[in-house]
Amino acid sequence: MEKVQQSTAEAMLVFYTHLQEKYDEELRPYTKKCLKRKLNDIIQLLRSMDNESEKIGVVLHEWIEHEVSQLKVVRDKNENLDQPFRLFVIGTGKVGKSTFINSLIGREVAEVDYFPKTWRIDIFTRDEGQPIKLGFSDGHSEDMIEDKARLLLAKIDKRAEENIDKITRELKEIKRDKELTKEAQKERKEAIIKSYESDDDITHVIWPVQSADFLNDFDLVDTPGMNQILYNHKIKREALAYYREADGILWLLPADNLSDKSTYEDVQSMYEIYPQKTTDAIAVLNHFDYVPEKDADEVCSEANRIYGKYFREIIPYSAKIAFDVIKKNEDAEQTEKLKHEIHQSFYRKAQENKINDLDAILQEEQKK
C-alpha cells in the first residue's frame, strides 16, 4: 500500500510539473495573441474616429495621433513578448565561461578556437533563419553569412592578440620606470590601451544556434573577462547596458581560487552600481572538479562566507565534466539541476515582469 501511495505521489508531482511547464510555455504566446487582436481593434477604432475629427476639431485629431503612436509602441513591445529572456554570463578571465556556456546549450558553440575570444561580447540565440549579426563600436551593425563573419573575426582576433603582446611589453616598461609616480603610471597605462582601440572594431556578435532547447527560453550573453587588457571603454559601456537589462545574471566564481582579489573587486564593484541585480543573481562555483573531495564542504562554506551577501544562491558546478558527459550523449545531472534553478529563479519572474510592464502601459492608456 505504501509503495502504491508513493508511486501515486510521484506521478502527481510529474503531472503537476508538466502542467506548470506547459502553462509557462503557453502564457506569453497566448497573451501576445490576445493583446495583438485588442490593440489592432483599438487602433482601428481610433482611426475611424480620426476620420470624423474634422467635424469635431483639430484638438481631437492631435490627441488621436498621439494615442495611436503610443499604442504602436505597446504593439511593438507585445511583438517581442514571446522572445527568449536574456541571461548575462560574467566572470574574470580563465574561469571557464566558454565551457560553461557549451554545457548549458549542449553543443560546442563557444569553442575558444572557433568563436571570438574574450575581448568582445558574444550573444547566443535560437536560430530562426537569421544571419549572424556583427555590431561595431561606431554604432552600426552588419548581417553576414557564417564564412565571411569567421574570416573577418579571425583577422580581428589575430590583430587583437598582437596588440595584447605589444601592450603587455609597454606596460612592463612603465612598471620598470622608477621615476614615474603611481598616478603617472596609471595615466600612461590608460593612454597606451586607448591608443590600440579602433573605431571599426567589433563590440558584439549575435550567433544563431540550431537545435538548442535551452535557447528557446534564454539568450546567453557571453561577456569579456573583466580583467582583459582590451576590455575597452566602449565594450564596458555595452556590457553594463546588457547587465542592467538582463533578465538573469550568472556569475562564475573560481572554486579553485576563491581568494582571487580581482574577482572579489569585480563583484563588489557591480554590487555598488546595481545592488538589486547582483543580489538576484546566481553565482556558479565553477572548476569544482579541481577541489579535492575532502575539501568540498569547506570550499562551499568559504564561498558563502566571502560572497553569500552578494548572491541569492551559490551553486557548485564543474562545466568541463558536465560538457564531457553531454558530448557522450549522456544526461548531465548537474547541468539539468542548474537549468532547473535558472528556470525557477529567472524564467517566471522575467515572464511576469514583461507582462506586468505591458499591463502598466495599457492601464495608463486606458485612463486617458
Protein backbone atom coordinates (compact mmCIF):
# COMPACT_ATOMS: atom_id res chain seq x y z
CA MET A 1 0.00 0.00 0.00
CA GLU A 2 2.81 2.35 0.95
CA LYS A 3 4.55 1.72 -2.41
CA VAL A 4 1.31 2.46 -4.27
CA GLN A 5 0.88 5.75 -2.38
CA GLN A 6 4.48 6.72 -3.11
CA SER A 7 4.06 5.86 -6.79
CA THR A 8 0.83 7.90 -6.96
CA ALA A 9 2.50 10.88 -5.29
CA GLU A 10 5.43 10.74 -7.72
CA ALA A 11 3.05 10.53 -10.69
CA MET A 12 1.07 13.55 -9.39
CA LEU A 13 4.31 15.51 -8.95
CA VAL A 14 5.40 14.71 -12.51
CA PHE A 15 1.96 15.70 -13.81
CA TYR A 16 1.98 18.97 -11.84
CA THR A 17 5.50 19.82 -13.06
CA HIS A 18 4.50 19.12 -16.66
CA LEU A 19 1.36 21.23 -16.24
CA GLN A 20 3.37 24.13 -14.80
CA GLU A 21 5.91 23.94 -17.62
CA LYS A 22 3.11 23.88 -20.21
CA TYR A 23 1.50 26.90 -18.55
CA ASP A 24 4.81 28.79 -18.63
CA GLU A 25 5.32 27.81 -22.26
CA GLU A 26 1.87 28.92 -23.43
CA LEU A 27 1.29 32.03 -21.29
CA ARG A 28 3.27 34.59 -23.29
CA PRO A 29 2.18 33.42 -26.78
CA TYR A 30 -1.45 33.40 -25.60
CA THR A 31 -1.13 36.86 -24.02
CA LYS A 32 0.59 38.16 -27.15
CA LYS A 33 -2.18 36.81 -29.40
CA CYS A 34 -4.98 38.32 -27.29
CA LEU A 35 -3.27 41.70 -26.91
CA LYS A 36 -2.43 41.88 -30.60
CA ARG A 37 -6.09 41.45 -31.52
CA LYS A 38 -7.26 44.03 -28.97
CA LEU A 39 -4.58 46.57 -29.88
CA ASN A 40 -5.44 46.31 -33.57
CA ASP A 41 -9.14 46.82 -32.72
CA ILE A 42 -8.35 49.91 -30.61
CA ILE A 43 -6.08 51.43 -33.28
CA GLN A 44 -8.73 50.78 -35.92
CA LEU A 45 -11.36 52.44 -33.69
CA LEU A 46 -9.16 55.49 -33.18
CA ARG A 47 -8.53 55.72 -36.93
CA SER A 48 -12.26 55.64 -37.60
CA MET A 49 -12.74 58.42 -35.02
CA ASP A 50 -9.99 60.39 -36.74
CA ASN A 51 -11.93 60.25 -40.00
CA GLU A 52 -14.70 62.15 -38.21
CA SER A 53 -12.32 64.54 -36.40
CA GLU A 54 -12.78 67.36 -38.94
CA LYS A 55 -16.33 67.75 -37.66
CA ILE A 56 -15.15 67.84 -34.03
CA GLY A 57 -11.89 69.80 -34.19
CA VAL A 58 -8.11 69.80 -34.51
CA VAL A 59 -7.52 69.01 -30.81
CA LEU A 60 -9.20 65.61 -31.13
CA HIS A 61 -7.14 64.85 -34.23
CA GLU A 62 -3.89 65.63 -32.43
CA TRP A 63 -4.93 63.54 -29.42
CA ILE A 64 -5.82 60.58 -31.63
CA GLU A 65 -2.47 60.79 -33.45
CA HIS A 66 -0.65 60.80 -30.12
CA GLU A 67 -2.60 57.82 -28.78
CA VAL A 68 -2.09 55.80 -31.97
CA SER A 69 1.68 56.40 -31.74
CA GLN A 70 1.65 55.30 -28.07
CA LEU A 71 -0.33 52.17 -28.88
CA LYS A 72 2.12 51.31 -31.66
CA VAL A 73 4.87 51.35 -29.03
CA VAL A 74 2.81 48.92 -26.96
CA ARG A 75 2.23 46.78 -30.05
CA ASP A 76 5.99 46.63 -30.71
CA LYS A 77 6.57 45.56 -27.09
CA ASN A 78 3.87 42.95 -27.49
CA GLU A 79 5.54 41.55 -30.63
CA ASN A 80 8.65 40.84 -28.55
CA LEU A 81 6.71 39.33 -25.66
CA ASP A 82 7.47 35.71 -26.54
CA GLN A 83 11.14 36.27 -27.36
CA PRO A 84 13.75 34.45 -25.23
CA PHE A 85 14.85 36.10 -21.99
CA ARG A 86 18.42 37.33 -21.75
CA LEU A 87 20.93 35.69 -19.41
CA PHE A 88 24.15 37.58 -18.72
CA VAL A 89 27.22 35.39 -18.03
CA ILE A 90 30.01 37.22 -16.23
CA GLY A 91 33.34 36.43 -14.60
CA THR A 92 37.04 37.15 -14.75
CA GLY A 93 39.21 35.58 -17.46
CA LYS A 94 40.10 31.85 -17.33
CA VAL A 95 37.13 30.93 -15.15
CA GLY A 96 35.67 28.60 -17.82
CA LYS A 97 32.86 30.72 -19.29
CA SER A 98 33.07 29.15 -22.75
CA THR A 99 32.86 25.59 -21.43
CA PHE A 100 30.08 26.65 -19.07
CA ILE A 101 28.03 28.09 -21.95
CA ASN A 102 28.64 24.96 -24.02
CA SER A 103 27.33 22.81 -21.17
CA LEU A 104 24.10 24.85 -20.94
CA ILE A 105 23.49 24.89 -24.69
CA GLY A 106 24.55 21.26 -25.07
CA ARG A 107 26.80 21.95 -28.06
CA GLU A 108 30.27 23.32 -28.67
CA VAL A 109 29.21 26.83 -29.72
CA ALA A 110 31.74 28.76 -27.64
CA GLU A 111 34.87 26.83 -28.54
CA VAL A 112 37.90 29.07 -28.00
CA ASP A 113 39.45 28.45 -31.41
CA TYR A 114 36.15 28.61 -33.26
CA PHE A 115 34.45 31.72 -31.98
CA PRO A 116 35.87 35.10 -30.97
CA LYS A 117 37.74 35.14 -27.70
CA THR A 118 37.37 37.40 -24.70
CA TRP A 119 37.62 40.98 -25.93
CA ARG A 120 34.07 41.42 -27.18
CA ILE A 121 30.52 40.34 -26.34
CA ASP A 122 29.02 37.18 -27.88
CA ILE A 123 25.26 36.61 -27.79
CA PHE A 124 23.96 33.10 -28.49
CA THR A 125 20.32 32.99 -29.60
CA ARG A 126 17.94 30.45 -31.13
CA ASP A 127 18.20 30.08 -34.91
CA GLU A 128 15.13 31.35 -36.73
CA GLY A 129 16.79 31.63 -40.13
CA GLN A 130 18.53 34.93 -39.37
CA PRO A 131 22.14 35.65 -40.36
CA ILE A 132 25.00 36.34 -37.96
CA LYS A 133 24.87 39.99 -36.85
CA LEU A 134 28.02 41.97 -36.07
CA GLY A 135 27.80 45.18 -34.03
CA PHE A 136 30.53 47.81 -34.40
CA SER A 137 31.82 50.38 -31.93
CA ASP A 138 30.59 53.28 -34.08
CA GLY A 139 27.01 52.07 -33.59
CA HIS A 140 26.25 50.38 -36.92
CA SER A 141 25.64 46.66 -37.42
CA GLU A 142 26.02 44.27 -40.35
CA ASP A 143 24.44 40.92 -41.26
CA MET A 144 26.91 38.35 -42.55
CA ILE A 145 26.98 34.78 -43.71
CA GLU A 146 28.99 32.47 -41.46
CA ASP A 147 32.09 32.06 -43.67
CA LYS A 148 32.52 35.80 -44.17
CA ALA A 149 31.96 36.52 -40.46
CA ARG A 150 34.52 33.90 -39.42
CA LEU A 151 37.13 35.31 -41.82
CA LEU A 152 36.66 38.88 -40.57
CA LEU A 153 36.69 37.86 -36.91
CA ALA A 154 39.81 35.74 -37.39
CA LYS A 155 41.65 38.80 -38.74
CA ILE A 156 40.47 40.95 -35.83
CA ASP A 157 41.35 38.22 -33.32
CA LYS A 158 44.87 38.00 -34.73
CA ARG A 159 45.30 41.76 -34.57
CA ALA A 160 43.94 41.82 -31.01
CA GLU A 161 46.41 39.12 -29.93
CA GLU A 162 49.28 41.11 -31.43
CA ASN A 163 48.05 44.25 -29.69
CA ILE A 164 47.91 42.46 -26.34
CA ASP A 165 51.55 41.39 -26.75
CA LYS A 166 52.57 44.97 -27.55
CA ILE A 167 50.54 46.43 -24.69
CA THR A 168 51.97 43.90 -22.23
CA ARG A 169 55.55 44.82 -23.21
CA GLU A 170 54.84 48.56 -22.95
CA LEU A 171 53.16 48.17 -19.56
CA LYS A 172 56.19 46.28 -18.25
CA GLU A 173 58.42 49.15 -19.37
CA ILE A 174 56.23 51.63 -17.49
CA LYS A 175 56.35 49.49 -14.37
CA ARG A 176 60.15 49.41 -14.53
CA ASP A 177 60.34 53.21 -14.76
CA LYS A 178 61.03 54.17 -11.13
CA GLU A 179 60.75 57.91 -11.88
CA LEU A 180 57.02 57.67 -12.61
CA THR A 181 54.54 58.16 -9.78
CA LYS A 182 51.62 55.70 -9.39
CA GLU A 183 49.26 58.32 -10.80
CA ALA A 184 51.54 58.91 -13.79
CA GLN A 185 51.83 55.15 -14.37
CA LYS A 186 48.04 54.85 -14.36
CA GLU A 187 47.66 57.70 -16.86
CA ARG A 188 50.31 56.21 -19.16
CA LYS A 189 48.68 52.77 -18.91
CA GLU A 190 45.25 54.14 -19.89
CA ALA A 191 46.78 56.14 -22.75
CA ILE A 192 48.56 53.05 -24.12
CA ILE A 193 45.42 50.88 -24.02
CA LYS A 194 43.33 53.65 -25.59
CA SER A 195 45.86 54.04 -28.43
CA TYR A 196 45.05 50.46 -29.53
CA GLU A 197 41.30 51.00 -29.60
CA SER A 198 39.92 51.23 -33.12
CA ASP A 199 36.66 52.82 -34.26
CA ASP A 200 35.93 49.93 -36.64
CA ASP A 201 36.39 47.18 -34.03
CA ILE A 202 33.51 44.84 -33.36
CA THR A 203 31.89 45.18 -29.93
CA HIS A 204 29.40 42.29 -30.14
CA VAL A 205 28.33 39.35 -32.30
CA ILE A 206 24.91 37.67 -32.32
CA TRP A 207 25.23 33.95 -33.13
CA PRO A 208 22.09 31.98 -34.14
CA VAL A 209 22.37 28.39 -32.88
CA GLN A 210 20.30 25.50 -34.24
CA SER A 211 18.70 22.74 -32.18
CA ALA A 212 19.44 24.08 -28.71
CA ASP A 213 16.43 23.71 -26.40
CA PHE A 214 17.91 26.00 -23.73
CA LEU A 215 17.93 28.90 -26.22
CA ASN A 216 14.16 28.58 -26.71
CA ASP A 217 13.82 30.23 -23.30
CA PHE A 218 17.05 32.21 -22.94
CA ASP A 219 19.61 34.10 -24.98
CA LEU A 220 23.09 33.75 -23.46
CA VAL A 221 25.32 36.84 -23.34
CA ASP A 222 29.00 35.88 -23.01
CA THR A 223 30.98 38.88 -21.79
CA PRO A 224 34.70 39.60 -21.96
CA GLY A 225 36.67 38.65 -18.86
CA MET A 226 36.50 41.81 -16.77
CA ASN A 227 40.28 41.85 -16.34
CA GLN A 228 41.08 41.67 -20.07
CA ILE A 229 43.53 44.28 -21.34
CA LEU A 230 41.46 45.05 -24.44
CA TYR A 231 38.24 45.38 -22.46
CA ASN A 232 37.95 48.97 -23.68
CA HIS A 233 35.58 51.72 -22.58
CA LYS A 234 33.07 51.20 -25.41
CA ILE A 235 32.71 47.49 -24.69
CA LYS A 236 32.48 48.18 -20.95
CA ARG A 237 29.56 50.53 -21.56
CA GLU A 238 27.84 47.95 -23.75
CA ALA A 239 28.44 45.19 -21.19
CA LEU A 240 26.99 47.38 -18.43
CA ALA A 241 23.91 48.02 -20.59
CA TYR A 242 23.40 44.27 -21.05
CA TYR A 243 23.92 43.73 -17.32
CA ARG A 244 21.33 46.38 -16.48
CA GLU A 245 18.73 44.97 -18.89
CA ALA A 246 19.41 41.26 -18.24
CA ASP A 247 16.54 39.03 -17.14
CA GLY A 248 19.01 36.93 -15.18
CA ILE A 249 22.69 37.00 -14.23
CA LEU A 250 25.03 34.02 -13.88
CA TRP A 251 28.30 34.98 -12.22
CA LEU A 252 31.10 32.43 -12.45
CA LEU A 253 33.40 32.20 -9.43
CA PRO A 254 36.62 30.11 -9.41
CA ALA A 255 36.21 27.27 -6.89
CA ASP A 256 39.95 26.65 -7.08
CA ASN A 257 40.88 30.31 -6.42
CA LEU A 258 38.32 31.87 -4.06
CA SER A 259 40.91 34.29 -2.71
CA ASP A 260 41.34 35.90 -6.15
CA LYS A 261 41.37 39.63 -5.47
CA SER A 262 40.22 40.77 -8.92
CA THR A 263 37.12 38.54 -8.79
CA TYR A 264 36.09 39.93 -5.40
CA GLU A 265 36.68 43.52 -6.52
CA ASP A 266 34.60 42.97 -9.68
CA VAL A 267 31.70 41.50 -7.68
CA GLN A 268 31.86 44.32 -5.15
CA SER A 269 32.04 46.95 -7.91
CA MET A 270 28.96 45.64 -9.74
CA TYR A 271 27.10 45.32 -6.44
CA GLU A 272 27.73 49.02 -5.76
CA ILE A 273 26.43 50.01 -9.22
CA TYR A 274 23.44 47.63 -9.42
CA PRO A 275 22.83 46.12 -5.95
CA GLN A 276 19.43 44.59 -6.79
CA LYS A 277 20.70 42.98 -9.98
CA THR A 278 23.60 41.36 -8.17
CA THR A 279 21.63 40.06 -5.19
CA ASP A 280 19.13 38.49 -7.62
CA ALA A 281 21.99 36.74 -9.45
CA ILE A 282 23.10 33.12 -9.21
CA ALA A 283 26.80 32.54 -8.55
CA VAL A 284 28.18 29.38 -10.17
CA LEU A 285 31.18 27.97 -8.30
CA ASN A 286 32.92 26.59 -11.39
CA HIS A 287 36.03 24.38 -11.55
CA PHE A 288 34.63 22.43 -8.60
CA ASP A 289 36.28 19.34 -10.09
CA TYR A 290 39.61 20.92 -9.11
CA VAL A 291 38.62 20.80 -5.44
CA PRO A 292 39.64 17.64 -3.53
CA GLU A 293 36.58 15.76 -2.27
CA LYS A 294 37.70 16.12 1.36
CA ASP A 295 37.74 19.93 0.96
CA ALA A 296 34.41 20.31 -0.88
CA ASP A 297 32.31 21.32 2.16
CA GLU A 298 34.98 23.73 3.36
CA VAL A 299 35.20 25.42 -0.07
CA CYS A 300 31.39 25.84 -0.21
CA SER A 301 31.40 27.36 3.29
CA GLU A 302 34.22 29.71 2.33
CA ALA A 303 32.41 30.76 -0.86
CA ASN A 304 29.29 31.58 1.15
CA ARG A 305 31.33 33.48 3.72
CA ILE A 306 33.01 35.65 1.07
CA TYR A 307 30.19 36.03 -1.46
CA GLY A 308 27.00 34.99 0.35
CA LYS A 309 25.68 38.53 0.80
CA TYR A 310 26.14 39.32 -2.89
CA PHE A 311 24.12 36.50 -4.48
CA ARG A 312 20.78 34.80 -3.96
CA GLU A 313 22.43 31.38 -4.34
CA ILE A 314 25.88 29.86 -4.88
CA ILE A 315 25.89 26.56 -6.80
CA PRO A 316 28.95 24.25 -7.11
CA TYR A 317 29.48 23.20 -10.72
CA SER A 318 32.03 21.51 -12.97
CA ALA A 319 31.42 22.74 -16.50
CA LYS A 320 34.17 20.59 -18.04
CA ILE A 321 32.88 17.34 -16.53
CA ALA A 322 29.29 18.26 -17.39
CA PHE A 323 30.16 19.01 -21.02
CA ASP A 324 32.27 15.86 -21.38
CA VAL A 325 29.20 13.86 -20.30
CA ILE A 326 26.98 15.74 -22.79
CA LYS A 327 29.43 15.06 -25.65
CA LYS A 328 28.99 11.34 -24.95
CA ASN A 329 25.21 11.82 -25.46
CA GLU A 330 24.62 11.06 -21.81
CA ASP A 331 22.47 13.02 -19.35
CA ALA A 332 24.45 15.51 -17.27
CA GLU A 333 22.57 15.51 -13.98
CA GLN A 334 24.32 18.56 -12.54
CA THR A 335 23.55 20.57 -15.71
CA GLU A 336 19.87 19.65 -15.54
CA LYS A 337 19.78 20.73 -11.89
CA LEU A 338 21.41 24.03 -12.78
CA LYS A 339 18.98 24.60 -15.66
CA HIS A 340 16.11 23.94 -13.26
CA GLU A 341 17.49 26.53 -10.83
CA ILE A 342 17.89 29.04 -13.67
CA HIS A 343 14.31 28.43 -14.79
CA GLN A 344 12.97 28.72 -11.26
CA SER A 345 14.97 31.84 -10.48
CA PHE A 346 14.66 33.82 -13.70
CA TYR A 347 12.10 32.49 -16.19
CA ARG A 348 8.86 33.05 -14.30
CA LYS A 349 10.00 36.32 -12.78
CA ALA A 350 11.03 37.68 -16.18
CA GLN A 351 7.79 36.47 -17.75
CA GLU A 352 5.79 38.17 -15.02
CA ASN A 353 7.80 41.39 -15.37
CA LYS A 354 7.26 41.57 -19.13
CA ILE A 355 3.51 41.02 -18.85
CA ASN A 356 3.22 43.47 -15.93
CA ASP A 357 5.17 46.07 -17.92
CA LEU A 358 2.71 45.78 -20.79
CA ASP A 359 -0.22 45.83 -18.39
CA ALA A 360 1.01 49.03 -16.71
CA ILE A 361 1.29 50.81 -20.07
CA LEU A 362 -2.17 49.65 -21.11
CA GLN A 363 -3.67 50.72 -17.78
CA GLU A 364 -2.21 54.19 -18.29
CA GLU A 365 -3.58 54.39 -21.83
CA GLN A 366 -6.97 53.18 -20.60
CA LYS A 367 -7.12 56.06 -18.10
CA LYS A 368 -6.53 58.53 -20.91
